[in-house]
Amino acid sequence: MKKLLLLCLFAVLTVTAANAFPDVSDDYWAASQINLLGEQGVIVGYPDGTFKPDENVTRAEFASMAIKALGQQNTKIIQPVDFSDITKDFWAYDAIQKALYFDLVSKPAKGEPFRPDDSVSRAESLTVAVNALTTEEISVQKAREVLSKKYKDTVPEWFVIPAGKAEILGMMVIMPGKDGIEAERPATRAEVAAILFNMMEQAKLNPNAKLAEAMRKKTGEGFVVESAFVQGSVGTIPAGAVVPVELTKYISSQTSEPGDLYLARAAQNYVTKDKFILVNEGATLQGQLVDVRPGKWFVRNGVLILDNALITTNNDQTVKFSGLADVKKHRNWFMKFVRFCFKGEKLEVPAEGFVDMQLLKPVSVDLTNGWIIEN
C-alpha cells in the first residue's frame, strides 16, 4: 500500500511539473518554455492559476520578466534615470532602471515617457533579447538580406538590425500558423515566454559586457566552508556548517548575562572549495547570549552560548543568519579529565577574539553579487 501511495504521489508531482498551468497543454507550442520560466519564477500565472498565453504583456511587466530571466533582480542601481510617467513608488521602477543599466532598452531623451502600461510589441521584446547579448555587428543591408530570405513583411527601420541578429541567432519566435515577423503587433504572453527563454540560453554563452560582469561569480581567498556547494550562480552554506566569527567586545561566563546583545564580524571571506565568495569579509553579525552560567569550583564548568540572529552584508542587506556558538576551551585529554572531575572552568572571549558559529539553517547566496537569497 505504501509503495502504491508513493507511486501515485510521484505521478501527481510529475503531472503537476509538466502542466504548471491548466490552460497550457503538453502539446502547446510554447509549453516547455512557459513551464520552465514558471518554475523559475520568471513568469507567474493569474490568481485562478491560469497562464492565459494569448494575453498581451505591458512594457513594465516585460522589463520585470527580462531582469528576472537574467537573474539580475538584486542588482543595485546607483544613478537612476528619470521618466515623466514613472515615480519611485511604481511597482516596476527598479526593474525598469535595471533594464536601462544593462542596456536592454535604450536610454530615452530627458523627460521622455517610458509608457509602462503600453503593450510590449514583438519588435521591442526581440530587441531587448538581442541587446542582452554580445553579437557580431552586421550592416542594415546584411540584415535585410537575411530577413528577406524568409519573411515578406517589412519591419520598422530601427528594428532591422536587431531583427537580422535575432534571425541569425535563431531567436526569432514565430507562432504556428504565422509566417511573418509582425514587428509592431503586441507580443502575447506565450511569445514573450519563448523570447525570454531564447535570451536566457544565449546569455549563458554571450552576455553583453555589463551582464558578463554582473553574472561572473566573484572569487577570493578566505575561510573555506568545506560543506558549501554551488548550483549555477547560487552557493549554499548548509545547516551544520561552522564558520569563525570575531566578537567586537569582551564576554565572559563570570560577568555577562543571558540576554546580553553582541556584535561580531566575518574577519575574512567565507568561500567555497573553489574560492567562490559566499560572505564577504566585514559582514556584521548580531545576536544575544542565551545561556550564561558562571564556573564554580566543584559545582560546574562555565557555560557561554551565543544565539546569532542576523547578518548585514557588504550590500547593506540585513537578513536572518541563524546560528549557535557554544564557547569551549581547546584542551588536551588530561585537562578534559581534570575539568570532568574538578569543576570550575571559567570561559571568556576577548574583544577581537573568535568563536565558532554553527549554522542552524542553510544560507543561499547569489555568487555574482553577494546577495543572500531569502526563503
Protein backbone atom coordinates (compact mmCIF):
# COMPACT_ATOMS: atom_id res chain seq x y z
CA MET A 1 0.00 0.00 0.00
CA LYS A 2 2.82 2.44 0.89
CA LYS A 3 4.52 1.75 -2.45
CA LEU A 4 1.25 2.40 -4.27
CA LEU A 5 0.76 5.68 -2.45
CA LEU A 6 4.31 6.74 -3.30
CA LEU A 7 3.76 5.88 -6.97
CA CYS A 8 0.53 7.88 -7.01
CA LEU A 9 2.24 10.84 -5.36
CA PHE A 10 5.08 10.67 -7.87
CA ALA A 11 2.59 10.59 -10.73
CA VAL A 12 0.75 13.62 -9.35
CA LEU A 13 4.00 15.55 -8.91
CA THR A 14 5.10 14.64 -12.43
CA VAL A 15 1.82 15.82 -13.94
CA THR A 16 1.95 19.00 -11.87
CA ALA A 17 5.51 19.76 -13.00
CA ALA A 18 4.65 19.08 -16.66
CA ASN A 19 1.45 21.17 -16.52
CA ALA A 20 2.25 24.17 -14.37
CA PHE A 21 -0.79 25.98 -15.80
CA PRO A 22 -4.11 24.24 -16.56
CA ASP A 23 -4.66 26.26 -19.75
CA VAL A 24 -1.26 25.29 -21.22
CA SER A 25 -1.46 21.73 -22.56
CA ASP A 26 1.57 19.49 -23.01
CA ASP A 27 1.41 19.86 -26.78
CA TYR A 28 1.03 23.65 -26.77
CA TRP A 29 3.76 25.16 -28.95
CA ALA A 30 5.43 27.08 -26.08
CA ALA A 31 4.57 24.72 -23.21
CA SER A 32 8.15 23.82 -22.29
CA GLN A 33 9.29 27.45 -22.20
CA ILE A 34 6.25 28.58 -20.22
CA ASN A 35 6.56 25.80 -17.66
CA LEU A 36 10.31 26.26 -17.21
CA LEU A 37 10.02 30.02 -16.69
CA GLY A 38 7.08 29.43 -14.36
CA GLU A 39 9.15 27.05 -12.22
CA GLN A 40 11.93 29.64 -12.02
CA GLY A 41 9.58 32.45 -11.03
CA VAL A 42 10.31 34.49 -14.15
CA ILE A 43 6.67 34.45 -15.15
CA VAL A 44 3.62 33.98 -12.96
CA GLY A 45 0.05 32.99 -13.58
CA TYR A 46 -3.18 34.70 -12.71
CA PRO A 47 -4.95 34.31 -9.34
CA ASP A 48 -7.07 31.47 -10.74
CA GLY A 49 -3.88 29.53 -11.64
CA THR A 50 -4.16 30.03 -15.39
CA PHE A 51 -1.46 31.48 -17.64
CA LYS A 52 -3.62 32.96 -20.43
CA PRO A 53 -0.98 32.56 -23.15
CA ASP A 54 -2.79 34.74 -25.68
CA GLU A 55 -2.99 37.82 -23.44
CA ASN A 56 -0.63 40.74 -24.01
CA VAL A 57 2.23 41.92 -21.76
CA THR A 58 2.89 45.50 -20.70
CA ARG A 59 6.28 47.13 -21.13
CA ALA A 60 6.70 47.28 -17.35
CA GLU A 61 5.82 43.60 -16.97
CA PHE A 62 8.27 42.67 -19.70
CA ALA A 63 11.10 44.68 -18.09
CA SER A 64 10.48 42.85 -14.81
CA MET A 65 10.41 39.44 -16.55
CA ALA A 66 13.60 40.16 -18.50
CA ILE A 67 15.54 41.15 -15.39
CA LYS A 68 14.35 38.04 -13.55
CA ALA A 69 15.22 35.85 -16.53
CA LEU A 70 18.77 37.21 -16.45
CA GLY A 71 18.98 36.77 -12.65
CA GLN A 72 19.69 40.45 -12.00
CA GLN A 73 16.78 41.36 -9.74
CA ASN A 74 19.17 42.02 -6.83
CA THR A 75 21.47 44.39 -8.72
CA LYS A 76 21.85 47.82 -7.12
CA ILE A 77 21.47 50.89 -9.37
CA ILE A 78 23.44 53.95 -8.27
CA GLN A 79 22.23 56.56 -10.77
CA PRO A 80 18.61 56.02 -11.82
CA VAL A 81 17.09 57.67 -14.88
CA ASP A 82 14.09 59.98 -14.52
CA PHE A 83 10.90 59.41 -16.50
CA SER A 84 7.95 61.73 -16.75
CA ASP A 85 5.47 58.88 -16.21
CA ILE A 86 7.20 56.70 -13.59
CA THR A 87 7.81 57.53 -9.94
CA LYS A 88 9.97 55.65 -7.43
CA ASP A 89 6.92 54.03 -5.87
CA PHE A 90 5.85 52.45 -9.18
CA TRP A 91 5.87 48.67 -8.77
CA ALA A 92 8.33 48.05 -11.65
CA TYR A 93 10.53 51.12 -11.11
CA ASP A 94 13.60 49.09 -10.05
CA ALA A 95 13.23 46.56 -12.87
CA ILE A 96 12.97 49.33 -15.47
CA GLN A 97 16.07 51.05 -14.07
CA LYS A 98 17.97 47.75 -14.27
CA ALA A 99 16.82 47.20 -17.84
CA LEU A 100 18.32 50.59 -18.68
CA TYR A 101 21.54 49.92 -16.79
CA PHE A 102 22.13 46.61 -18.56
CA ASP A 103 21.46 48.25 -21.95
CA LEU A 104 18.41 46.10 -22.60
CA VAL A 105 16.50 49.23 -23.54
CA SER A 106 17.90 52.49 -24.86
CA LYS A 107 18.12 55.48 -22.58
CA PRO A 108 15.41 57.93 -23.67
CA ALA A 109 15.84 61.64 -24.16
CA LYS A 110 15.43 63.60 -20.94
CA GLY A 111 11.80 63.85 -19.92
CA GLU A 112 10.53 61.24 -22.36
CA PRO A 113 7.91 58.80 -21.03
CA PHE A 114 8.55 55.09 -20.64
CA ARG A 115 4.93 54.10 -21.30
CA PRO A 116 4.93 51.30 -18.72
CA ASP A 117 1.32 50.29 -19.27
CA ASP A 118 1.53 50.07 -23.07
CA SER A 119 1.67 46.56 -24.54
CA VAL A 120 5.19 45.50 -25.45
CA SER A 121 5.48 44.81 -29.18
CA ARG A 122 7.20 41.84 -30.75
CA ALA A 123 9.89 44.18 -32.08
CA GLU A 124 10.52 45.67 -28.64
CA SER A 125 10.70 42.30 -26.89
CA LEU A 126 13.02 40.79 -29.51
CA THR A 127 15.26 43.89 -29.36
CA VAL A 128 15.61 43.54 -25.60
CA ALA A 129 16.58 39.88 -26.06
CA VAL A 130 19.24 40.79 -28.63
CA ASN A 131 20.53 43.71 -26.53
CA ALA A 132 21.26 41.29 -23.68
CA LEU A 133 23.93 39.66 -25.84
CA THR A 134 27.34 40.33 -27.30
CA THR A 135 26.70 39.88 -31.01
CA GLU A 136 28.62 40.25 -34.24
CA GLU A 137 27.95 43.60 -35.86
CA ILE A 138 26.02 43.48 -39.13
CA SER A 139 25.03 46.15 -41.64
CA VAL A 140 21.49 47.16 -42.47
CA GLN A 141 21.98 45.62 -45.91
CA LYS A 142 23.10 42.30 -44.41
CA ALA A 143 20.15 42.29 -42.03
CA ARG A 144 17.70 42.94 -44.86
CA GLU A 145 19.22 40.12 -46.92
CA VAL A 146 18.88 37.69 -44.02
CA LEU A 147 15.28 38.65 -43.34
CA SER A 148 14.17 38.71 -47.00
CA LYS A 149 15.09 35.05 -47.44
CA LYS A 150 12.31 34.01 -45.07
CA TYR A 151 9.91 36.86 -44.40
CA LYS A 152 7.82 39.00 -46.74
CA ASP A 153 6.61 41.68 -44.33
CA THR A 154 8.61 44.83 -43.71
CA VAL A 155 9.93 45.90 -40.33
CA PRO A 156 10.48 49.39 -38.87
CA GLU A 157 13.85 50.90 -39.75
CA TRP A 158 15.02 50.93 -36.12
CA PHE A 159 14.29 47.19 -35.83
CA VAL A 160 16.06 45.97 -38.99
CA ILE A 161 19.42 45.17 -37.40
CA PRO A 162 18.01 43.63 -34.16
CA ALA A 163 15.65 41.54 -36.29
CA GLY A 164 18.52 40.40 -38.52
CA LYS A 165 20.58 39.43 -35.49
CA ALA A 166 17.64 37.57 -33.95
CA GLU A 167 17.20 35.60 -37.17
CA ILE A 168 20.92 34.78 -37.43
CA LEU A 169 20.96 33.60 -33.81
CA GLY A 170 17.82 31.51 -34.22
CA MET A 171 15.97 33.69 -31.72
CA MET A 172 13.11 34.82 -33.94
CA VAL A 173 9.87 33.49 -32.43
CA ILE A 174 7.06 32.81 -34.91
CA MET A 175 3.86 31.18 -33.65
CA PRO A 176 2.48 28.16 -35.55
CA GLY A 177 0.24 29.34 -38.36
CA LYS A 178 2.12 32.62 -38.76
CA ASP A 179 4.68 33.35 -41.44
CA GLY A 180 5.60 36.98 -40.80
CA ILE A 181 7.57 38.91 -38.20
CA GLU A 182 4.63 41.19 -37.33
CA ALA A 183 7.05 43.55 -35.64
CA GLU A 184 4.52 46.07 -34.36
CA ARG A 185 1.93 43.60 -33.11
CA PRO A 186 1.71 43.30 -29.30
CA ALA A 187 3.54 40.20 -28.13
CA THR A 188 1.47 37.52 -26.42
CA ARG A 189 2.44 36.02 -23.09
CA ALA A 190 3.39 32.79 -24.86
CA GLU A 191 5.60 34.63 -27.35
CA VAL A 192 7.24 36.55 -24.52
CA ALA A 193 8.00 33.30 -22.69
CA ALA A 194 9.64 31.85 -25.81
CA ILE A 195 11.63 35.06 -26.43
CA LEU A 196 12.83 35.22 -22.83
CA PHE A 197 13.81 31.55 -22.90
CA ASN A 198 15.93 32.12 -26.02
CA MET A 199 17.51 35.16 -24.39
CA MET A 200 18.38 33.19 -21.24
CA GLU A 201 20.03 30.42 -23.23
CA GLN A 202 22.05 32.81 -25.40
CA ALA A 203 23.04 35.00 -22.42
CA LYS A 204 24.65 31.99 -20.76
CA LEU A 205 27.11 31.92 -23.66
CA ASN A 206 27.46 35.50 -24.85
CA PRO A 207 26.06 38.08 -22.42
CA ASN A 208 26.66 41.76 -23.12
CA ALA A 209 29.57 43.44 -21.30
CA LYS A 210 27.60 44.68 -18.29
CA LEU A 211 25.77 41.39 -17.85
CA ALA A 212 29.01 39.43 -18.21
CA GLU A 213 30.49 41.33 -15.28
CA ALA A 214 27.33 41.02 -13.21
CA MET A 215 26.97 37.30 -13.99
CA ARG A 216 30.56 36.49 -13.08
CA LYS A 217 30.80 34.60 -9.83
CA LYS A 218 33.13 36.51 -7.51
CA THR A 219 36.20 34.68 -6.18
CA GLY A 220 38.72 35.32 -3.42
CA GLU A 221 40.70 33.86 -0.57
CA GLY A 222 39.33 33.22 2.90
CA PHE A 223 37.93 30.62 5.26
CA VAL A 224 36.89 27.58 3.23
CA VAL A 225 33.47 26.21 4.14
CA GLU A 226 34.13 22.62 3.13
CA SER A 227 30.47 21.55 3.07
CA ALA A 228 29.28 24.50 0.95
CA PHE A 229 28.03 23.63 -2.52
CA VAL A 230 27.30 25.53 -5.72
CA GLN A 231 24.43 25.17 -8.17
CA GLY A 232 24.69 27.54 -11.11
CA SER A 233 25.32 31.00 -9.69
CA VAL A 234 23.99 30.15 -6.21
CA GLY A 235 26.20 28.96 -3.37
CA THR A 236 24.73 27.39 -0.24
CA ILE A 237 26.19 27.06 3.24
CA PRO A 238 24.26 24.10 4.66
CA ALA A 239 22.86 23.83 8.16
CA GLY A 240 25.51 22.39 10.47
CA ALA A 241 28.40 24.21 8.79
CA VAL A 242 30.74 26.01 11.18
CA VAL A 243 32.24 29.44 10.49
CA PRO A 244 34.53 31.61 12.65
CA VAL A 245 33.21 34.99 13.79
CA GLU A 246 35.16 37.76 15.52
CA LEU A 247 33.46 39.41 18.50
CA THR A 248 33.63 43.17 18.94
CA LYS A 249 33.51 43.19 22.77
CA TYR A 250 34.56 41.05 25.72
CA ILE A 251 32.16 38.40 27.02
CA SER A 252 32.57 36.05 29.97
CA SER A 253 30.74 33.29 31.78
CA GLN A 254 31.51 35.16 35.00
CA THR A 255 30.32 38.68 34.15
CA SER A 256 27.98 38.50 31.15
CA GLU A 257 24.24 37.96 31.49
CA PRO A 258 21.69 35.98 29.47
CA GLY A 259 20.04 38.34 27.02
CA ASP A 260 23.14 40.50 26.55
CA LEU A 261 23.46 41.58 22.93
CA TYR A 262 26.64 41.13 20.96
CA LEU A 263 28.09 42.18 17.61
CA ALA A 264 30.56 40.17 15.57
CA ARG A 265 32.08 40.25 12.11
CA ALA A 266 33.41 37.98 9.43
CA ALA A 267 37.13 38.68 9.74
CA GLN A 268 37.74 37.05 6.37
CA ASN A 269 35.71 35.92 3.39
CA TYR A 270 33.77 32.69 3.69
CA VAL A 271 34.46 30.81 0.46
CA THR A 272 33.68 27.52 -1.24
CA LYS A 273 36.38 24.97 -2.04
CA ASP A 274 36.56 26.56 -5.49
CA LYS A 275 37.14 30.01 -3.91
CA PHE A 276 33.72 31.44 -4.75
CA ILE A 277 32.86 34.08 -2.15
CA LEU A 278 29.82 33.22 -0.03
CA VAL A 279 30.11 36.00 2.57
CA ASN A 280 32.42 38.96 2.20
CA GLU A 281 34.93 39.98 4.83
CA GLY A 282 33.48 42.69 7.04
CA ALA A 283 29.91 41.40 7.11
CA THR A 284 28.49 42.01 10.60
CA LEU A 285 26.56 39.55 12.73
CA GLN A 286 24.35 40.23 15.71
CA GLY A 287 22.55 38.20 18.32
CA GLN A 288 22.36 37.62 22.05
CA LEU A 289 23.76 35.43 24.79
CA VAL A 290 21.13 32.81 25.56
CA ASP A 291 22.83 30.71 28.22
CA VAL A 292 25.39 32.15 30.63
CA ARG A 293 26.38 30.31 33.82
CA PRO A 294 29.49 31.11 35.81
CA GLY A 295 32.03 28.40 36.54
CA LYS A 296 32.04 27.39 40.21
CA TRP A 297 34.60 25.22 41.94
CA PHE A 298 33.39 21.64 42.37
CA VAL A 299 29.91 22.71 41.15
CA ARG A 300 30.06 23.27 37.39
CA ASN A 301 32.13 24.47 34.49
CA GLY A 302 31.17 27.80 32.98
CA VAL A 303 28.59 27.95 30.17
CA LEU A 304 28.59 30.59 27.44
CA ILE A 305 26.27 30.15 24.44
CA LEU A 306 25.59 32.74 21.71
CA ASP A 307 22.50 32.73 19.53
CA ASN A 308 23.04 34.59 16.28
CA ALA A 309 20.00 36.12 14.58
CA LEU A 310 21.05 38.45 11.76
CA ILE A 311 23.79 39.29 9.31
CA THR A 312 24.37 42.58 7.49
CA THR A 313 26.30 42.06 4.28
CA ASN A 314 28.50 44.47 2.36
CA ASN A 315 25.42 45.16 0.20
CA ASP A 316 23.74 46.67 3.30
CA GLN A 317 21.36 43.74 3.23
CA THR A 318 20.22 42.61 6.69
CA VAL A 319 18.71 39.11 6.79
CA LYS A 320 18.34 36.12 9.07
CA PHE A 321 21.53 34.21 9.80
CA SER A 322 20.59 31.64 12.40
CA GLY A 323 23.44 30.02 14.32
CA LEU A 324 24.70 28.94 17.73
CA ALA A 325 28.17 29.25 19.23
CA ASP A 326 28.90 27.15 22.30
CA VAL A 327 32.14 28.59 23.67
CA LYS A 328 34.60 25.87 24.64
CA LYS A 329 38.24 25.87 25.59
CA HIS A 330 40.52 23.74 23.47
CA ARG A 331 42.01 21.25 25.95
CA ASN A 332 44.19 18.18 25.76
CA TRP A 333 42.96 14.88 27.13
CA PHE A 334 44.45 15.49 30.57
CA MET A 335 42.73 18.84 31.09
CA LYS A 336 39.47 17.39 29.81
CA PHE A 337 39.78 14.74 32.55
CA VAL A 338 40.64 17.38 35.16
CA ARG A 339 37.66 19.53 34.24
CA PHE A 340 35.42 16.50 34.25
CA CYS A 341 36.46 15.64 37.78
CA PHE A 342 37.09 19.10 39.22
CA LYS A 343 34.55 21.63 38.02
CA GLY A 344 35.09 25.37 37.95
CA GLU A 345 36.32 26.30 34.48
CA LYS A 346 35.74 29.94 33.54
CA LEU A 347 35.03 30.93 29.95
CA GLU A 348 35.78 34.23 28.23
CA VAL A 349 36.25 35.65 24.77
CA PRO A 350 38.18 38.92 24.45
CA ALA A 351 37.27 41.73 22.10
CA GLU A 352 38.54 40.68 18.66
CA GLY A 353 38.52 37.08 19.87
CA PHE A 354 36.93 34.32 17.82
CA VAL A 355 34.11 31.82 18.35
CA ASP A 356 32.93 29.05 16.04
CA MET A 357 29.36 29.62 14.87
CA GLN A 358 27.33 26.60 13.74
CA LEU A 359 24.53 27.43 11.32
CA LEU A 360 21.09 26.19 12.28
CA LYS A 361 19.56 26.86 8.85
CA PRO A 362 21.07 26.85 5.36
CA VAL A 363 22.07 30.15 3.77
CA SER A 364 21.94 30.56 -0.01
CA VAL A 365 23.91 33.32 -1.72
CA ASP A 366 23.92 34.74 -5.24
CA LEU A 367 27.62 34.35 -6.01
CA THR A 368 27.55 37.08 -8.65
CA ASN A 369 26.63 39.87 -6.24
CA GLY A 370 26.79 38.53 -2.68
CA TRP A 371 23.04 38.87 -2.19
CA ILE A 372 21.60 36.41 0.34
CA ILE A 373 18.51 34.74 -1.07
CA GLU A 374 15.71 34.81 1.47
CA ASN A 375 13.35 31.84 1.56
